[in-house]
Amino acid sequence: MKSNQRRSFLAKSGLFAGAALGWTTAGNQAGAAPSAAEPRSRRLPREVCLATVSLDGLQATDVKSMQQQVIRIMEKIVPQQPDVICLPETFDVANVRGSKPPLSERAADGIGEVAQPYADFAKKHSCYVVCPIHSMQDGRYYNSALFIDRNGELLGRYHKMHTTTDEMDQGIAPGPIDPPVFDTDFGRVGAQICFDIEWHDGWTKLAEAGAEIVFWPSAFAGGSMVNAKAWQHRYCVVSSTLKDTSKICGITGEEVAKTSRWNQWACAVVNLEKAFLHTWPYVQRFAAIQAKYGADIRITNYGEEEWSILESRSPDLRIADVLREFELKTIQEHLANADALQCSCR
């Protein structure tokens, strides 16, 4: 689907207006080698192909060599027609054994020399790239995630909120306490970086701002913490790491694609047209929904957690319309309603 068609669908769905929709994924199984993604021409309006990279075991003698190796990995993903590729934290220098340019030379206020090859890649292959490098803004240095759009232009950047003591000793400043979100032609996205996973504030603020995908470039893999951030905030989390496993987690925290010793990259086509519900009491209306919409809607119930996911499988069916028609509340709305009533009764 073309970018303007995606944006038209999003506008009609009300998603850029802050509708509380969550989403999970469909794609290659966790642990499997990367599988063929559905071509863009056959995807649903809000299906998006996410790709991630792990640099586990990859080293270089200089920055130029590392750049070339990373581009080669990205080129391998191109046949999957990715909508976005996420790279690891400070990948350009982290695994370089030889000398590295000083921070003052490689950190730019904008795309800059370091990120330009990845901006060129984004434009050539019409995909977004999350490019985590050091940057400079207002005279300060940051550990940043640059969001580069399909035209190779800078969409925006996130500065790591919770820098390590080592980083601060090197002159790298912590970023603002309110992480930005960015509207793409497939949905709203944001980022956290590495050490940020040890705090809750940035992740919560991204959820409140309507993020549907949060990218987590990191030096380490994070393990189950990545899964937990996904289900706690009901958005997808895409990790990309310098070592061990990079993965894509859906809103229920399940891994739907990940790297391994056999594959240095992974991708999954995921559907954003979903809603996350507390099963009770809305399960009482599921039979009527299924009877009316049949195969156009998929309902997945998680018994022990009492979560339910409603997913549109039709280009003409918007989940927001189904929620209104059957008077269903997303889990965010359900909990907010309960909280308000609790406060009134205290």
Protein backbone atom coordinates (compact mmCIF):
# COMPACT_ATOMS: atom_id res chain seq x y z
CA MET A 1 0.00 0.00 0.00
CA LYS A 2 1.31 3.43 -0.90
CA SER A 3 2.20 5.91 1.83
CA ASN A 4 -0.70 8.26 1.10
CA GLN A 5 -3.16 5.34 1.23
CA ARG A 6 -1.77 4.32 4.63
CA ARG A 7 -2.13 7.88 5.94
CA SER A 8 -5.71 8.10 4.64
CA PHE A 9 -6.61 4.87 6.42
CA LEU A 10 -4.98 6.08 9.65
CA ALA A 11 -6.85 9.37 9.52
CA LYS A 12 -10.20 7.61 9.04
CA SER A 13 -9.39 5.21 11.86
CA GLY A 14 -8.64 8.07 14.24
CA LEU A 15 -5.31 6.52 15.22
CA PHE A 16 -3.29 9.72 14.91
CA ALA A 17 -5.90 11.33 17.17
CA GLY A 18 -4.85 9.02 20.00
CA ALA A 19 -7.25 6.08 19.71
CA ALA A 20 -6.17 3.47 22.26
CA LEU A 21 -5.37 0.59 19.95
CA GLY A 22 -2.74 -2.03 20.59
CA TRP A 23 -1.28 -4.61 18.26
CA THR A 24 0.52 -7.89 18.02
CA THR A 25 2.28 -9.64 15.21
CA ALA A 26 2.16 -12.35 12.59
CA GLY A 27 5.27 -13.52 10.81
CA ASN A 28 8.14 -15.96 11.13
CA GLN A 29 8.14 -18.08 14.27
CA ALA A 30 10.41 -17.16 17.16
CA GLY A 31 13.75 -18.84 16.83
CA ALA A 32 13.32 -19.72 13.17
CA ALA A 33 15.48 -18.41 10.38
CA PRO A 34 14.06 -15.31 8.71
CA SER A 35 11.16 -16.28 6.49
CA ALA A 36 9.75 -14.63 3.38
CA ALA A 37 7.62 -11.63 4.29
CA GLU A 38 4.30 -10.95 2.60
CA PRO A 39 4.92 -8.54 -0.31
CA ARG A 40 3.73 -4.99 0.30
CA SER A 41 1.15 -5.28 -2.45
CA ARG A 42 -0.63 -8.11 -0.59
CA ARG A 43 -0.48 -6.68 2.93
CA LEU A 44 -3.45 -5.32 4.82
CA PRO A 45 -3.60 -1.51 5.18
CA ARG A 46 -1.89 -1.50 8.58
CA GLU A 47 0.44 -4.45 8.19
CA VAL A 48 4.06 -3.41 8.47
CA CYS A 49 7.28 -5.35 7.99
CA LEU A 50 9.65 -4.78 10.91
CA ALA A 51 13.27 -5.86 10.75
CA THR A 52 15.99 -5.99 13.38
CA VAL A 53 19.71 -6.72 13.41
CA SER A 54 22.11 -8.28 15.90
CA LEU A 55 25.85 -7.63 15.71
CA ASP A 56 26.63 -10.60 17.95
CA GLY A 57 30.14 -11.79 17.10
CA LEU A 58 30.65 -9.08 14.46
CA GLN A 59 33.80 -6.98 14.84
CA ALA A 60 35.78 -4.62 12.65
CA THR A 61 39.23 -3.07 12.67
CA ASP A 62 37.93 0.39 11.79
CA VAL A 63 34.73 2.39 11.47
CA LYS A 64 34.60 2.17 7.67
CA SER A 65 34.78 -1.62 7.75
CA MET A 66 31.99 -1.78 10.35
CA GLN A 67 29.82 0.49 8.20
CA GLN A 68 30.31 -1.78 5.19
CA GLN A 69 29.45 -4.92 7.18
CA VAL A 70 26.26 -3.38 8.59
CA ILE A 71 25.13 -2.22 5.14
CA ARG A 72 25.69 -5.76 3.81
CA ILE A 73 23.43 -7.18 6.51
CA MET A 74 20.76 -4.59 5.69
CA GLU A 75 20.99 -5.48 2.00
CA LYS A 76 20.10 -9.07 2.89
CA ILE A 77 16.82 -7.81 4.39
CA VAL A 78 15.80 -5.85 1.27
CA PRO A 79 14.04 -8.79 -0.50
CA GLN A 80 11.59 -8.89 2.45
CA GLN A 81 10.45 -5.35 1.52
CA PRO A 82 10.92 -4.01 5.07
CA ASP A 83 9.11 -0.90 6.18
CA VAL A 84 11.68 -0.21 8.89
CA ILE A 85 15.06 -1.63 9.93
CA CYS A 86 16.38 -1.06 13.45
CA LEU A 87 20.12 -1.10 14.18
CA PRO A 88 21.87 -1.56 17.57
CA GLU A 89 23.06 1.12 19.99
CA THR A 90 26.14 3.06 18.76
CA PHE A 91 26.76 0.25 16.28
CA ASP A 92 29.19 2.36 14.27
CA VAL A 93 31.90 2.30 16.96
CA ALA A 94 30.92 -0.22 19.64
CA ASN A 95 32.47 -3.34 18.09
CA VAL A 96 35.41 -1.58 16.44
CA ARG A 97 38.75 -2.86 17.76
CA GLY A 98 40.94 -0.17 16.25
CA SER A 99 41.04 3.57 16.79
CA LYS A 100 37.80 5.52 16.56
CA PRO A 101 37.20 9.16 15.63
CA PRO A 102 36.69 11.36 18.71
CA LEU A 103 33.15 12.23 19.71
CA SER A 104 33.62 15.78 18.49
CA GLU A 105 34.26 14.54 14.94
CA ARG A 106 31.53 11.91 14.56
CA ALA A 107 28.62 13.51 16.45
CA ALA A 108 26.57 15.74 14.13
CA ASP A 109 23.54 17.98 14.56
CA GLY A 110 21.37 16.23 11.97
CA ILE A 111 22.06 13.33 9.62
CA GLY A 112 25.79 13.96 9.45
CA GLU A 113 28.59 11.96 7.86
CA VAL A 114 28.13 8.86 10.05
CA ALA A 115 24.42 8.43 9.34
CA GLN A 116 24.47 9.49 5.67
CA PRO A 117 25.06 5.97 4.24
CA TYR A 118 22.00 4.74 6.14
CA ALA A 119 19.95 7.71 4.94
CA ASP A 120 21.00 6.84 1.39
CA PHE A 121 19.97 3.23 2.03
CA ALA A 122 16.56 4.36 3.34
CA LYS A 123 15.93 6.45 0.24
CA LYS A 124 17.13 3.78 -2.18
CA HIS A 125 14.97 1.05 -0.66
CA SER A 126 12.03 3.21 0.50
CA CYS A 127 12.16 2.14 4.13
CA TYR A 128 12.62 3.78 7.49
CA VAL A 129 15.87 3.22 9.38
CA VAL A 130 16.39 3.58 13.13
CA CYS A 131 20.03 4.65 13.26
CA PRO A 132 21.42 4.80 16.84
CA ILE A 133 24.61 6.87 16.96
CA HIS A 134 26.10 9.72 18.96
CA SER A 135 24.73 13.13 18.02
CA MET A 136 25.13 16.74 19.02
CA GLN A 137 22.44 19.31 19.76
CA ASP A 138 22.68 22.75 21.34
CA GLY A 139 26.34 22.15 22.14
CA ARG A 140 25.72 18.89 24.03
CA TYR A 141 26.55 15.31 23.05
CA TYR A 142 23.92 12.56 23.24
CA ASN A 143 23.51 8.84 22.70
CA SER A 144 20.69 9.06 20.16
CA ALA A 145 18.36 7.09 17.93
CA LEU A 146 17.90 8.87 14.60
CA PHE A 147 14.64 8.10 12.80
CA ILE A 148 15.27 8.35 9.06
CA ASP A 149 12.24 8.30 6.75
CA ARG A 150 11.70 6.66 3.36
CA ASN A 151 13.09 9.72 1.58
CA GLY A 152 16.35 9.58 3.52
CA GLU A 153 15.39 12.61 5.60
CA LEU A 154 15.62 12.99 9.37
CA LEU A 155 12.15 12.44 10.83
CA GLY A 156 13.34 13.07 14.37
CA ARG A 157 15.65 11.80 17.07
CA TYR A 158 15.45 10.44 20.57
CA HIS A 159 18.21 11.13 23.10
CA LYS A 160 18.84 8.39 25.66
CA MET A 161 17.21 9.50 28.91
CA HIS A 162 19.13 7.35 31.37
CA THR A 163 22.80 7.47 30.47
CA THR A 164 25.30 5.31 32.33
CA THR A 165 27.92 6.80 34.63
CA ASP A 166 30.60 5.85 32.11
CA GLU A 167 28.80 7.75 29.37
CA MET A 168 28.43 10.85 31.49
CA ASP A 169 32.13 10.66 32.40
CA GLN A 170 32.83 10.75 28.64
CA GLY A 171 30.76 13.91 28.20
CA ILE A 172 27.52 12.34 26.98
CA ALA A 173 24.49 14.07 28.49
CA PRO A 174 21.20 12.45 29.51
CA GLY A 175 18.32 13.38 27.22
CA PRO A 176 15.05 15.18 28.07
CA ILE A 177 12.67 13.38 30.41
CA ASP A 178 9.80 13.46 27.88
CA PRO A 179 10.64 11.11 24.99
CA PRO A 180 9.24 12.18 21.61
CA VAL A 181 6.97 10.11 19.37
CA PHE A 182 7.05 10.21 15.58
CA ASP A 183 4.21 9.67 13.14
CA THR A 184 5.17 7.45 10.21
CA ASP A 185 3.01 6.36 7.28
CA PHE A 186 2.20 3.13 9.17
CA GLY A 187 1.78 4.30 12.78
CA ARG A 188 3.24 6.13 15.74
CA VAL A 189 6.67 5.11 17.00
CA GLY A 190 9.19 5.97 19.70
CA ALA A 191 12.42 4.71 21.22
CA GLN A 192 14.27 3.86 24.38
CA ILE A 193 17.97 2.95 24.47
CA CYS A 194 19.80 0.28 26.48
CA PHE A 195 20.01 1.46 30.15
CA ASP A 196 16.55 3.06 29.77
CA ILE A 197 15.05 -0.39 30.27
CA GLU A 198 15.89 -0.22 33.99
CA TRP A 199 13.41 2.67 34.44
CA HIS A 200 9.66 2.89 33.85
CA ASP A 201 9.14 6.58 33.10
CA GLY A 202 10.10 6.74 29.44
CA TRP A 203 8.19 3.58 28.51
CA THR A 204 5.06 4.81 30.29
CA LYS A 205 5.22 8.24 28.66
CA LEU A 206 5.54 6.68 25.22
CA ALA A 207 2.40 4.62 25.87
CA GLU A 208 0.54 7.72 27.04
CA ALA A 209 1.63 9.51 23.86
CA GLY A 210 0.10 6.76 21.71
CA ALA A 211 3.22 4.90 20.59
CA GLU A 212 2.40 1.64 18.82
CA ILE A 213 5.97 0.49 18.30
CA VAL A 214 8.94 1.22 20.56
CA PHE A 215 12.41 0.48 19.24
CA TRP A 216 15.05 -0.47 21.79
CA PRO A 217 18.60 -0.29 20.41
CA SER A 218 20.92 -1.69 23.04
CA ALA A 219 24.37 -3.01 23.91
CA PHE A 220 22.83 -6.01 25.69
CA ALA A 221 19.84 -8.21 24.86
CA GLY A 222 17.63 -7.56 27.89
CA GLY A 223 16.00 -10.99 27.84
CA SER A 224 12.57 -11.18 29.45
CA MET A 225 12.65 -7.46 30.28
CA VAL A 226 11.94 -6.71 26.61
CA ASN A 227 8.91 -9.01 26.64
CA ALA A 228 7.68 -7.43 29.87
CA LYS A 229 7.83 -3.88 28.49
CA ALA A 230 5.69 -4.97 25.55
CA TRP A 231 2.80 -6.50 27.50
CA GLN A 232 2.92 -3.93 30.30
CA HIS A 233 2.40 -1.09 27.83
CA ARG A 234 0.50 -2.94 25.06
CA TYR A 235 2.78 -1.92 22.25
CA CYS A 236 5.29 -3.81 20.19
CA VAL A 237 8.93 -3.65 21.26
CA VAL A 238 11.70 -4.18 18.72
CA SER A 239 15.15 -4.74 20.21
CA SER A 240 18.39 -4.50 18.28
CA THR A 241 21.55 -5.46 20.11
CA LEU A 242 25.32 -5.54 19.90
CA LYS A 243 25.42 -9.04 21.38
CA ASP A 244 23.11 -12.00 21.89
CA THR A 245 19.50 -11.87 20.66
CA SER A 246 17.57 -9.14 18.89
CA LYS A 247 13.81 -9.68 18.72
CA ILE A 248 10.35 -8.42 17.93
CA CYS A 249 7.73 -8.74 20.67
CA GLY A 250 3.99 -8.25 20.23
CA ILE A 251 1.68 -6.48 22.64
CA THR A 252 1.18 -9.64 24.68
CA GLY A 253 4.94 -9.96 25.15
CA GLU A 254 5.30 -12.95 22.86
CA GLU A 255 8.36 -13.16 20.63
CA VAL A 256 7.30 -13.37 17.00
CA ALA A 257 10.74 -13.11 15.41
CA LYS A 258 14.29 -13.13 16.72
CA THR A 259 17.89 -13.58 15.72
CA SER A 260 20.00 -16.59 16.65
CA ARG A 261 23.41 -18.08 16.00
CA TRP A 262 22.08 -18.96 12.55
CA ASN A 263 20.55 -15.65 11.51
CA GLN A 264 21.94 -12.17 12.16
CA TRP A 265 18.69 -10.44 11.28
CA ALA A 266 15.01 -11.17 11.69
CA CYS A 267 11.79 -9.70 10.39
CA ALA A 268 8.05 -10.07 10.83
CA VAL A 269 5.01 -8.64 9.11
CA VAL A 270 2.79 -7.30 11.88
CA ASN A 271 -0.73 -5.95 11.87
CA LEU A 272 -1.38 -2.68 13.70
CA GLU A 273 -5.15 -2.90 13.29
CA LYS A 274 -5.74 -4.54 16.68
CA ALA A 275 -7.22 -3.79 20.07
CA PHE A 276 -6.19 -5.18 23.48
CA LEU A 277 -9.14 -5.85 25.81
CA HIS A 278 -9.68 -7.15 29.32
CA THR A 279 -11.65 -10.31 28.49
CA TRP A 280 -14.43 -9.87 31.04
CA PRO A 281 -17.10 -8.60 30.58
CA TYR A 282 -16.61 -8.05 26.83
CA VAL A 283 -16.34 -11.77 26.06
CA GLN A 284 -20.14 -11.85 26.30
CA ARG A 285 -20.27 -10.00 22.94
CA PHE A 286 -17.60 -11.96 21.10
CA ALA A 287 -20.02 -14.54 19.66
CA ALA A 288 -22.14 -11.78 18.13
CA ILE A 289 -19.04 -10.10 16.67
CA GLN A 290 -17.84 -13.38 15.18
CA ALA A 291 -21.31 -14.14 13.78
CA LYS A 292 -21.47 -10.78 12.01
CA TYR A 293 -17.91 -10.46 10.72
CA GLY A 294 -16.75 -14.06 10.39
CA ALA A 295 -13.25 -14.35 8.91
CA ASP A 296 -12.94 -10.56 8.70
CA ILE A 297 -12.09 -10.45 12.39
CA ARG A 298 -9.82 -12.60 14.52
CA ILE A 299 -10.35 -12.88 18.28
CA THR A 300 -7.56 -14.36 20.38
CA ASN A 301 -8.18 -15.05 24.07
CA TYR A 302 -5.49 -15.54 26.72
CA GLY A 303 -7.17 -17.63 29.38
CA GLU A 304 -5.01 -17.18 32.47
CA GLU A 305 -4.29 -13.49 31.87
CA GLU A 306 -7.88 -12.80 30.74
CA TRP A 307 -6.63 -10.72 27.82
CA SER A 308 -8.36 -10.67 24.44
CA ILE A 309 -6.99 -9.34 21.16
CA LEU A 310 -9.35 -8.24 18.40
CA GLU A 311 -7.70 -8.04 14.97
CA SER A 312 -9.11 -6.93 11.64
CA ARG A 313 -8.33 -9.27 8.76
CA SER A 314 -10.12 -7.14 6.18
CA PRO A 315 -8.94 -3.93 4.50
CA ASP A 316 -12.46 -2.56 4.94
CA LEU A 317 -12.92 -3.28 8.66
CA ARG A 318 -11.56 -0.91 11.28
CA ILE A 319 -11.29 -2.17 14.83
CA ALA A 320 -12.26 1.25 16.22
CA ASP A 321 -15.62 0.87 14.43
CA VAL A 322 -16.15 -2.60 15.93
CA LEU A 323 -15.39 -1.28 19.42
CA ARG A 324 -17.98 1.47 19.03
CA GLU A 325 -20.58 -0.83 17.49
CA PHE A 326 -20.40 -3.39 20.29
CA GLU A 327 -19.62 -0.91 23.10
CA LEU A 328 -16.24 -2.43 23.89
CA LYS A 329 -13.47 -0.67 25.79
CA THR A 330 -9.75 -1.17 25.30
CA ILE A 331 -7.92 -2.26 28.42
CA GLN A 332 -6.61 1.29 28.85
CA GLU A 333 -10.14 2.68 28.79
CA HIS A 334 -11.43 -0.14 31.01
CA LEU A 335 -8.79 0.50 33.68
CA ALA A 336 -9.21 4.28 33.50
CA ASN A 337 -12.95 3.89 34.04
CA ALA A 338 -12.39 1.59 37.04
CA ASP A 339 -9.78 3.97 38.48
CA ALA A 340 -12.12 6.95 38.23
CA LEU A 341 -14.90 5.04 39.98
CA GLN A 342 -12.52 3.86 42.71
CA CYS A 343 -11.46 7.45 43.37
CA SER A 344 -15.06 8.61 43.61
CA CYS A 345 -15.83 5.87 46.14
CA ARG A 346 -12.91 6.53 48.48
